[in-house]
All heavy atoms as atom14 arrays in JSON, in Angstrom:
{
  "sequence": "GPGPHGLEVWERDLQAAGEEAPQWQSDMNSLLGDLVTRTDKPD",
  "atom14_mask": [
    [1, 1, 1, 1, 0, 0, 0, 0, 0, 0, 0, 0, 0, 0],
    [1, 1, 1, 1, 1, 1, 1, 0, 0, 0, 0, 0, 0, 0],
    [1, 1, 1, 1, 0, 0, 0, 0, 0, 0, 0, 0, 0, 0],
    [1, 1, 1, 1, 1, 1, 1, 0, 0, 0, 0, 0, 0, 0],
    [1, 1, 1, 1, 1, 1, 1, 1, 1, 1, 0, 0, 0, 0],
    [1, 1, 1, 1, 0, 0, 0, 0, 0, 0, 0, 0, 0, 0],
    [1, 1, 1, 1, 1, 1, 1, 1, 0, 0, 0, 0, 0, 0],
    [1, 1, 1, 1, 1, 1, 1, 1, 1, 0, 0, 0, 0, 0],
    [1, 1, 1, 1, 1, 1, 1, 0, 0, 0, 0, 0, 0, 0],
    [1, 1, 1, 1, 1, 1, 1, 1, 1, 1, 1, 1, 1, 1],
    [1, 1, 1, 1, 1, 1, 1, 1, 1, 0, 0, 0, 0, 0],
    [1, 1, 1, 1, 1, 1, 1, 1, 1, 1, 1, 0, 0, 0],
    [1, 1, 1, 1, 1, 1, 1, 1, 0, 0, 0, 0, 0, 0],
    [1, 1, 1, 1, 1, 1, 1, 1, 0, 0, 0, 0, 0, 0],
    [1, 1, 1, 1, 1, 1, 1, 1, 1, 0, 0, 0, 0, 0],
    [1, 1, 1, 1, 1, 0, 0, 0, 0, 0, 0, 0, 0, 0],
    [1, 1, 1, 1, 1, 0, 0, 0, 0, 0, 0, 0, 0, 0],
    [1, 1, 1, 1, 0, 0, 0, 0, 0, 0, 0, 0, 0, 0],
    [1, 1, 1, 1, 1, 1, 1, 1, 1, 0, 0, 0, 0, 0],
    [1, 1, 1, 1, 1, 1, 1, 1, 1, 0, 0, 0, 0, 0],
    [1, 1, 1, 1, 1, 0, 0, 0, 0, 0, 0, 0, 0, 0],
    [1, 1, 1, 1, 1, 1, 1, 0, 0, 0, 0, 0, 0, 0],
    [1, 1, 1, 1, 1, 1, 1, 1, 1, 0, 0, 0, 0, 0],
    [1, 1, 1, 1, 1, 1, 1, 1, 1, 1, 1, 1, 1, 1],
    [1, 1, 1, 1, 1, 1, 1, 1, 1, 0, 0, 0, 0, 0],
    [1, 1, 1, 1, 1, 1, 0, 0, 0, 0, 0, 0, 0, 0],
    [1, 1, 1, 1, 1, 1, 1, 1, 0, 0, 0, 0, 0, 0],
    [1, 1, 1, 1, 1, 1, 1, 1, 0, 0, 0, 0, 0, 0],
    [1, 1, 1, 1, 1, 1, 1, 1, 0, 0, 0, 0, 0, 0],
    [1, 1, 1, 1, 1, 1, 0, 0, 0, 0, 0, 0, 0, 0],
    [1, 1, 1, 1, 1, 1, 1, 1, 0, 0, 0, 0, 0, 0],
    [1, 1, 1, 1, 1, 1, 1, 1, 0, 0, 0, 0, 0, 0],
    [1, 1, 1, 1, 0, 0, 0, 0, 0, 0, 0, 0, 0, 0],
    [1, 1, 1, 1, 1, 1, 1, 1, 0, 0, 0, 0, 0, 0],
    [1, 1, 1, 1, 1, 1, 1, 1, 0, 0, 0, 0, 0, 0],
    [1, 1, 1, 1, 1, 1, 1, 0, 0, 0, 0, 0, 0, 0],
    [1, 1, 1, 1, 1, 1, 1, 0, 0, 0, 0, 0, 0, 0],
    [1, 1, 1, 1, 1, 1, 1, 1, 1, 1, 1, 0, 0, 0],
    [1, 1, 1, 1, 1, 1, 1, 0, 0, 0, 0, 0, 0, 0],
    [1, 1, 1, 1, 1, 1, 1, 1, 0, 0, 0, 0, 0, 0],
    [1, 1, 1, 1, 1, 1, 1, 1, 1, 0, 0, 0, 0, 0],
    [1, 1, 1, 1, 1, 1, 1, 0, 0, 0, 0, 0, 0, 0],
    [1, 1, 1, 1, 1, 1, 1, 1, 0, 0, 0, 0, 0, 0]
  ],
  "atom14_positions": [
    [[25.59, 4.01, -12.27], [26.78, 3.95, -11.43], [27.79, 5.03, -11.79], [27.5, 5.98, -12.51], [0.0, 0.0, 0.0], [0.0, 0.0, 0.0], [0.0, 0.0, 0.0], [0.0, 0.0, 0.0], [0.0, 0.0, 0.0], [0.0, 0.0, 0.0], [0.0, 0.0, 0.0], [0.0, 0.0, 0.0], [0.0, 0.0, 0.0], [0.0, 0.0, 0.0]],
    [[29.03, 4.88, -11.28], [30.05, 5.9, -11.51], [30.41, 6.03, -13.0], [30.33, 5.06, -13.75], [31.24, 5.39, -10.7], [31.02, 3.92, -10.59], [29.55, 3.74, -10.5], [0.0, 0.0, 0.0], [0.0, 0.0, 0.0], [0.0, 0.0, 0.0], [0.0, 0.0, 0.0], [0.0, 0.0, 0.0], [0.0, 0.0, 0.0], [0.0, 0.0, 0.0]],
    [[30.81, 7.23, -13.36], [31.08, 7.57, -14.75], [32.37, 7.0, -15.29], [32.91, 6.04, -14.72], [0.0, 0.0, 0.0], [0.0, 0.0, 0.0], [0.0, 0.0, 0.0], [0.0, 0.0, 0.0], [0.0, 0.0, 0.0], [0.0, 0.0, 0.0], [0.0, 0.0, 0.0], [0.0, 0.0, 0.0], [0.0, 0.0, 0.0], [0.0, 0.0, 0.0]],
    [[32.88, 7.55, -16.37], [32.36, 8.79, -16.97], [31.06, 8.58, -17.76], [30.88, 7.55, -18.39], [33.47, 9.22, -17.92], [34.14, 7.94, -18.3], [34.07, 7.06, -17.08], [0.0, 0.0, 0.0], [0.0, 0.0, 0.0], [0.0, 0.0, 0.0], [0.0, 0.0, 0.0], [0.0, 0.0, 0.0], [0.0, 0.0, 0.0], [0.0, 0.0, 0.0]],
    [[30.15, 9.56, -17.63], [28.88, 9.52, -18.35], [28.78, 10.73, -19.26], [29.42, 11.75, -19.03], [27.69, 9.52, -17.38], [27.65, 8.32, -16.49], [28.05, 7.07, -16.91], [27.26, 8.17, -15.2], [27.9, 6.2, -15.91], [27.43, 6.85, -14.87], [0.0, 0.0, 0.0], [0.0, 0.0, 0.0], [0.0, 0.0, 0.0], [0.0, 0.0, 0.0]],
    [[27.94, 10.62, -20.27], [27.72, 11.71, -21.2], [26.24, 11.98, -21.36], [25.39, 11.18, -20.96], [0.0, 0.0, 0.0], [0.0, 0.0, 0.0], [0.0, 0.0, 0.0], [0.0, 0.0, 0.0], [0.0, 0.0, 0.0], [0.0, 0.0, 0.0], [0.0, 0.0, 0.0], [0.0, 0.0, 0.0], [0.0, 0.0, 0.0], [0.0, 0.0, 0.0]],
    [[25.93, 13.11, -21.94], [24.55, 13.5, -22.21], [24.48, 13.99, -23.65], [25.25, 14.85, -24.06], [24.09, 14.61, -21.26], [22.71, 15.2, -21.53], [21.62, 14.16, -21.3], [22.48, 16.43, -20.67], [0.0, 0.0, 0.0], [0.0, 0.0, 0.0], [0.0, 0.0, 0.0], [0.0, 0.0, 0.0], [0.0, 0.0, 0.0], [0.0, 0.0, 0.0]],
    [[23.56, 13.41, -24.43], [23.37, 13.85, -25.8], [21.92, 14.21, -26.02], [21.02, 13.41, -25.77], [23.8, 12.75, -26.78], [25.3, 12.48, -26.72], [25.75, 11.42, -27.71], [24.88, 10.8, -28.36], [26.98, 11.21, -27.84], [0.0, 0.0, 0.0], [0.0, 0.0, 0.0], [0.0, 0.0, 0.0], [0.0, 0.0, 0.0], [0.0, 0.0, 0.0]],
    [[21.7, 15.44, -26.46], [20.35, 15.95, -26.71], [20.28, 16.32, -28.18], [21.11, 17.08, -28.67], [20.05, 17.19, -25.84], [18.64, 17.7, -26.09], [20.26, 16.86, -24.36], [0.0, 0.0, 0.0], [0.0, 0.0, 0.0], [0.0, 0.0, 0.0], [0.0, 0.0, 0.0], [0.0, 0.0, 0.0], [0.0, 0.0, 0.0], [0.0, 0.0, 0.0]],
    [[19.31, 15.76, -28.88], [19.24, 16.07, -30.31], [17.8, 16.05, -30.79], [16.89, 15.54, -30.15], [20.09, 15.1, -31.12], [19.52, 13.73, -31.32], [18.73, 13.32, -32.36], [19.67, 12.59, -30.46], [18.4, 12.0, -32.21], [18.97, 11.52, -31.06], [20.35, 12.36, -29.27], [18.92, 10.25, -30.49], [20.3, 11.1, -28.71], [19.6, 10.07, -29.31]],
    [[17.63, 16.64, -31.96], [16.33, 16.73, -32.61], [16.09, 15.53, -33.5], [17.02, 15.07, -34.18], [16.27, 18.01, -33.44], [14.93, 18.25, -34.13], [14.97, 19.51, -34.98], [16.06, 19.86, -35.48], [13.92, 20.14, -35.14], [0.0, 0.0, 0.0], [0.0, 0.0, 0.0], [0.0, 0.0, 0.0], [0.0, 0.0, 0.0], [0.0, 0.0, 0.0]],
    [[14.89, 15.01, -33.48], [14.56, 13.94, -34.41], [14.6, 14.48, -35.84], [14.36, 15.65, -36.09], [13.15, 13.42, -34.12], [13.06, 12.55, -32.87], [11.62, 12.28, -32.51], [10.85, 11.75, -33.63], [9.52, 11.76, -33.68], [8.82, 12.26, -32.69], [8.89, 11.26, -34.73], [0.0, 0.0, 0.0], [0.0, 0.0, 0.0], [0.0, 0.0, 0.0]],
    [[14.91, 13.58, -36.79], [14.98, 14.0, -38.19], [13.58, 14.32, -38.72], [12.71, 13.45, -38.75], [15.59, 12.89, -39.04], [17.06, 12.69, -38.76], [17.69, 13.65, -38.28], [17.58, 11.59, -39.01], [0.0, 0.0, 0.0], [0.0, 0.0, 0.0], [0.0, 0.0, 0.0], [0.0, 0.0, 0.0], [0.0, 0.0, 0.0], [0.0, 0.0, 0.0]],
    [[13.41, 15.55, -39.15], [12.15, 15.95, -39.78], [12.35, 16.35, -41.23], [11.41, 16.37, -42.0], [11.53, 17.13, -39.01], [11.17, 16.86, -37.55], [10.6, 18.12, -36.93], [10.17, 15.72, -37.44], [0.0, 0.0, 0.0], [0.0, 0.0, 0.0], [0.0, 0.0, 0.0], [0.0, 0.0, 0.0], [0.0, 0.0, 0.0], [0.0, 0.0, 0.0]],
    [[13.59, 16.7, -41.58], [13.91, 17.11, -42.94], [15.01, 16.22, -43.49], [15.65, 15.49, -42.76], [14.37, 18.58, -42.98], [13.29, 19.59, -42.67], [13.1, 19.8, -41.18], [14.02, 19.61, -40.42], [11.91, 20.18, -40.79], [0.0, 0.0, 0.0], [0.0, 0.0, 0.0], [0.0, 0.0, 0.0], [0.0, 0.0, 0.0], [0.0, 0.0, 0.0]],
    [[15.22, 16.32, -44.79], [16.31, 15.59, -45.42], [17.64, 16.21, -45.03], [17.7, 17.37, -44.62], [16.13, 15.62, -46.94], [0.0, 0.0, 0.0], [0.0, 0.0, 0.0], [0.0, 0.0, 0.0], [0.0, 0.0, 0.0], [0.0, 0.0, 0.0], [0.0, 0.0, 0.0], [0.0, 0.0, 0.0], [0.0, 0.0, 0.0], [0.0, 0.0, 0.0]],
    [[18.7, 15.43, -45.14], [20.02, 15.93, -44.81], [20.34, 17.17, -45.63], [20.11, 17.21, -46.83], [21.07, 14.85, -45.08], [0.0, 0.0, 0.0], [0.0, 0.0, 0.0], [0.0, 0.0, 0.0], [0.0, 0.0, 0.0], [0.0, 0.0, 0.0], [0.0, 0.0, 0.0], [0.0, 0.0, 0.0], [0.0, 0.0, 0.0], [0.0, 0.0, 0.0]],
    [[20.85, 18.18, -44.97], [21.19, 19.42, -45.64], [20.05, 20.41, -45.69], [20.22, 21.55, -46.12], [0.0, 0.0, 0.0], [0.0, 0.0, 0.0], [0.0, 0.0, 0.0], [0.0, 0.0, 0.0], [0.0, 0.0, 0.0], [0.0, 0.0, 0.0], [0.0, 0.0, 0.0], [0.0, 0.0, 0.0], [0.0, 0.0, 0.0], [0.0, 0.0, 0.0]],
    [[18.85, 20.01, -45.22], [17.69, 20.89, -45.26], [17.09, 21.09, -43.87], [15.98, 21.57, -43.73], [16.62, 20.31, -46.19], [17.1, 20.12, -47.63], [16.06, 19.44, -48.51], [14.97, 19.12, -47.98], [16.34, 19.22, -49.7], [0.0, 0.0, 0.0], [0.0, 0.0, 0.0], [0.0, 0.0, 0.0], [0.0, 0.0, 0.0], [0.0, 0.0, 0.0]],
    [[17.85, 20.75, -42.84], [17.33, 20.8, -41.49], [17.16, 22.25, -41.03], [17.92, 23.14, -41.38], [18.28, 20.1, -40.51], [18.55, 18.64, -40.84], [19.8, 18.47, -41.68], [20.18, 19.45, -42.35], [20.37, 17.37, -41.66], [0.0, 0.0, 0.0], [0.0, 0.0, 0.0], [0.0, 0.0, 0.0], [0.0, 0.0, 0.0], [0.0, 0.0, 0.0]],
    [[16.11, 22.44, -40.22], [15.94, 23.71, -39.54], [16.9, 23.74, -38.35], [17.41, 22.69, -37.93], [14.5, 23.86, -39.06], [0.0, 0.0, 0.0], [0.0, 0.0, 0.0], [0.0, 0.0, 0.0], [0.0, 0.0, 0.0], [0.0, 0.0, 0.0], [0.0, 0.0, 0.0], [0.0, 0.0, 0.0], [0.0, 0.0, 0.0], [0.0, 0.0, 0.0]],
    [[17.2, 24.92, -37.79], [18.07, 24.97, -36.61], [17.51, 24.08, -35.49], [16.31, 24.01, -35.27], [18.03, 26.44, -36.22], [17.7, 27.15, -37.48], [16.77, 26.24, -38.23], [0.0, 0.0, 0.0], [0.0, 0.0, 0.0], [0.0, 0.0, 0.0], [0.0, 0.0, 0.0], [0.0, 0.0, 0.0], [0.0, 0.0, 0.0], [0.0, 0.0, 0.0]],
    [[18.39, 23.39, -34.79], [17.95, 22.49, -33.74], [17.27, 23.26, -32.61], [17.62, 24.38, -32.3], [19.15, 21.72, -33.17], [19.68, 20.67, -34.13], [20.72, 19.81, -33.45], [21.36, 20.24, -32.51], [20.9, 18.61, -33.93], [0.0, 0.0, 0.0], [0.0, 0.0, 0.0], [0.0, 0.0, 0.0], [0.0, 0.0, 0.0], [0.0, 0.0, 0.0]],
    [[16.27, 22.63, -32.03], [15.61, 23.27, -30.9], [16.57, 23.27, -29.71], [17.34, 22.34, -29.51], [14.3, 22.58, -30.55], [14.41, 21.1, -30.28], [14.36, 20.11, -31.18], [14.6, 20.46, -29.01], [14.5, 18.89, -30.59], [14.64, 19.07, -29.25], [14.72, 20.91, -27.72], [14.81, 18.15, -28.25], [14.89, 19.98, -26.72], [14.92, 18.63, -26.97]],
    [[16.53, 24.34, -28.93], [17.44, 24.5, -27.81], [16.78, 24.01, -26.53], [15.87, 24.62, -26.0], [17.85, 25.97, -27.66], [18.59, 26.52, -28.88], [19.89, 25.76, -29.1], [20.68, 25.56, -28.19], [20.1, 25.35, -30.34], [0.0, 0.0, 0.0], [0.0, 0.0, 0.0], [0.0, 0.0, 0.0], [0.0, 0.0, 0.0], [0.0, 0.0, 0.0]],
    [[17.23, 22.87, -26.05], [16.69, 22.31, -24.82], [17.51, 22.81, -23.63], [18.69, 23.12, -23.75], [16.75, 20.78, -24.87], [16.44, 20.24, -23.62], [0.0, 0.0, 0.0], [0.0, 0.0, 0.0], [0.0, 0.0, 0.0], [0.0, 0.0, 0.0], [0.0, 0.0, 0.0], [0.0, 0.0, 0.0], [0.0, 0.0, 0.0], [0.0, 0.0, 0.0]],
    [[16.85, 22.9, -22.49], [17.58, 23.29, -21.27], [18.04, 22.07, -20.5], [18.37, 22.15, -19.32], [16.72, 24.18, -20.38], [15.4, 23.53, -20.01], [15.16, 22.38, -20.41], [14.6, 24.19, -19.32], [0.0, 0.0, 0.0], [0.0, 0.0, 0.0], [0.0, 0.0, 0.0], [0.0, 0.0, 0.0], [0.0, 0.0, 0.0], [0.0, 0.0, 0.0]],
    [[18.07, 20.91, -21.15], [18.48, 19.69, -20.48], [19.92, 19.77, -19.99], [20.26, 19.29, -18.9], [18.33, 18.49, -21.41], [16.91, 18.07, -21.62], [16.17, 17.49, -20.07], [14.45, 17.4, -20.58], [0.0, 0.0, 0.0], [0.0, 0.0, 0.0], [0.0, 0.0, 0.0], [0.0, 0.0, 0.0], [0.0, 0.0, 0.0], [0.0, 0.0, 0.0]],
    [[20.79, 20.38, -20.79], [22.18, 20.47, -20.38], [22.33, 21.27, -19.09], [23.14, 20.93, -18.23], [23.02, 21.1, -21.5], [23.26, 20.13, -22.64], [24.0, 19.18, -22.49], [22.63, 20.36, -23.77], [0.0, 0.0, 0.0], [0.0, 0.0, 0.0], [0.0, 0.0, 0.0], [0.0, 0.0, 0.0], [0.0, 0.0, 0.0], [0.0, 0.0, 0.0]],
    [[21.53, 22.34, -18.95], [21.62, 23.13, -17.72], [20.98, 22.4, -16.54], [21.42, 22.53, -15.4], [20.95, 24.5, -17.92], [19.58, 24.34, -18.27], [0.0, 0.0, 0.0], [0.0, 0.0, 0.0], [0.0, 0.0, 0.0], [0.0, 0.0, 0.0], [0.0, 0.0, 0.0], [0.0, 0.0, 0.0], [0.0, 0.0, 0.0], [0.0, 0.0, 0.0]],
    [[19.94, 21.6, -16.81], [19.27, 20.87, -15.73], [20.11, 19.7, -15.24], [20.04, 19.32, -14.07], [17.91, 20.36, -16.22], [16.8, 21.39, -16.39], [15.59, 20.76, -17.05], [16.41, 22.01, -15.06], [0.0, 0.0, 0.0], [0.0, 0.0, 0.0], [0.0, 0.0, 0.0], [0.0, 0.0, 0.0], [0.0, 0.0, 0.0], [0.0, 0.0, 0.0]],
    [[20.9, 19.12, -16.13], [21.62, 17.9, -15.78], [23.13, 18.05, -15.84], [23.85, 17.09, -15.6], [21.2, 16.77, -16.73], [19.71, 16.4, -16.72], [19.41, 15.44, -17.85], [19.33, 15.77, -15.39], [0.0, 0.0, 0.0], [0.0, 0.0, 0.0], [0.0, 0.0, 0.0], [0.0, 0.0, 0.0], [0.0, 0.0, 0.0], [0.0, 0.0, 0.0]],
    [[23.6, 19.23, -16.15], [25.02, 19.42, -16.36], [25.88, 19.04, -15.18], [27.02, 18.6, -15.33], [0.0, 0.0, 0.0], [0.0, 0.0, 0.0], [0.0, 0.0, 0.0], [0.0, 0.0, 0.0], [0.0, 0.0, 0.0], [0.0, 0.0, 0.0], [0.0, 0.0, 0.0], [0.0, 0.0, 0.0], [0.0, 0.0, 0.0], [0.0, 0.0, 0.0]],
    [[25.36, 19.17, -13.96], [26.16, 18.84, -12.78], [26.41, 17.34, -12.65], [27.3, 16.92, -11.92], [25.44, 19.34, -11.52], [24.07, 18.71, -11.35], [23.26, 18.8, -12.29], [23.81, 18.15, -10.28], [0.0, 0.0, 0.0], [0.0, 0.0, 0.0], [0.0, 0.0, 0.0], [0.0, 0.0, 0.0], [0.0, 0.0, 0.0], [0.0, 0.0, 0.0]],
    [[25.63, 16.53, -13.37], [25.79, 15.08, -13.28], [26.69, 14.52, -14.37], [27.11, 13.37, -14.3], [24.43, 14.39, -13.37], [23.45, 14.67, -12.23], [22.15, 13.94, -12.52], [24.02, 14.23, -10.9], [0.0, 0.0, 0.0], [0.0, 0.0, 0.0], [0.0, 0.0, 0.0], [0.0, 0.0, 0.0], [0.0, 0.0, 0.0], [0.0, 0.0, 0.0]],
    [[26.94, 15.33, -15.39], [27.66, 14.83, -16.56], [29.16, 15.0, -16.37], [29.64, 16.07, -16.05], [27.2, 15.57, -17.83], [27.96, 15.05, -19.04], [25.71, 15.38, -18.04], [0.0, 0.0, 0.0], [0.0, 0.0, 0.0], [0.0, 0.0, 0.0], [0.0, 0.0, 0.0], [0.0, 0.0, 0.0], [0.0, 0.0, 0.0], [0.0, 0.0, 0.0]],
    [[29.87, 13.92, -16.55], [31.33, 13.97, -16.52], [31.83, 14.48, -17.86], [31.51, 13.92, -18.91], [31.92, 12.56, -16.27], [31.35, 12.04, -15.07], [33.42, 12.63, -16.15], [0.0, 0.0, 0.0], [0.0, 0.0, 0.0], [0.0, 0.0, 0.0], [0.0, 0.0, 0.0], [0.0, 0.0, 0.0], [0.0, 0.0, 0.0], [0.0, 0.0, 0.0]],
    [[32.57, 15.57, -17.83], [33.04, 16.17, -19.07], [34.19, 15.33, -19.64], [35.31, 15.37, -19.15], [33.51, 17.61, -18.82], [32.43, 18.51, -18.25], [31.22, 18.59, -19.19], [30.13, 19.36, -18.6], [28.93, 19.5, -19.17], [28.68, 18.89, -20.31], [27.98, 20.2, -18.58], [0.0, 0.0, 0.0], [0.0, 0.0, 0.0], [0.0, 0.0, 0.0]],
    [[33.9, 14.56, -20.65], [34.9, 13.7, -21.25], [34.52, 13.42, -22.69], [33.34, 13.41, -23.04], [35.03, 12.37, -20.5], [35.96, 11.54, -21.19], [33.7, 11.66, -20.38], [0.0, 0.0, 0.0], [0.0, 0.0, 0.0], [0.0, 0.0, 0.0], [0.0, 0.0, 0.0], [0.0, 0.0, 0.0], [0.0, 0.0, 0.0], [0.0, 0.0, 0.0]],
    [[35.48, 13.2, -23.55], [35.22, 12.84, -24.93], [34.93, 11.35, -25.09], [34.5, 10.91, -26.14], [36.41, 13.22, -25.81], [36.61, 14.72, -25.9], [35.6, 15.44, -25.78], [37.76, 15.16, -26.07], [0.0, 0.0, 0.0], [0.0, 0.0, 0.0], [0.0, 0.0, 0.0], [0.0, 0.0, 0.0], [0.0, 0.0, 0.0], [0.0, 0.0, 0.0]],
    [[35.17, 10.57, -24.02], [34.98, 9.13, -24.11], [34.14, 8.62, -22.94], [34.63, 7.9, -22.07], [36.33, 8.42, -24.13], [37.18, 8.78, -25.35], [38.5, 8.03, -25.36], [39.32, 8.38, -26.59], [40.62, 7.66, -26.61], [0.0, 0.0, 0.0], [0.0, 0.0, 0.0], [0.0, 0.0, 0.0], [0.0, 0.0, 0.0], [0.0, 0.0, 0.0]],
    [[32.85, 9.01, -22.91], [31.99, 8.53, -21.82], [31.71, 7.05, -21.95], [31.72, 6.49, -23.05], [30.72, 9.36, -22.0], [30.69, 9.69, -23.46], [32.12, 9.87, -23.86], [0.0, 0.0, 0.0], [0.0, 0.0, 0.0], [0.0, 0.0, 0.0], [0.0, 0.0, 0.0], [0.0, 0.0, 0.0], [0.0, 0.0, 0.0], [0.0, 0.0, 0.0]],
    [[31.46, 6.41, -20.81], [31.11, 5.0, -20.8], [29.65, 4.85, -21.2], [29.31, 4.18, -22.17], [31.36, 4.42, -19.41], [31.15, 2.91, -19.38], [31.02, 2.32, -20.46], [31.12, 2.34, -18.29], [0.0, 0.0, 0.0], [0.0, 0.0, 0.0], [0.0, 0.0, 0.0], [0.0, 0.0, 0.0], [0.0, 0.0, 0.0], [0.0, 0.0, 0.0]]
  ]
}
């Protein structure tokens, strides 16, 4: 239904904290960005 909505894309933990490789860059934000309400407090 109506927002505000958010989108979070993240990498599963493969390494211990502080030893992570750079996160993989997904194009999900570009594919879905038009649907996401830009807000710090999404429902």
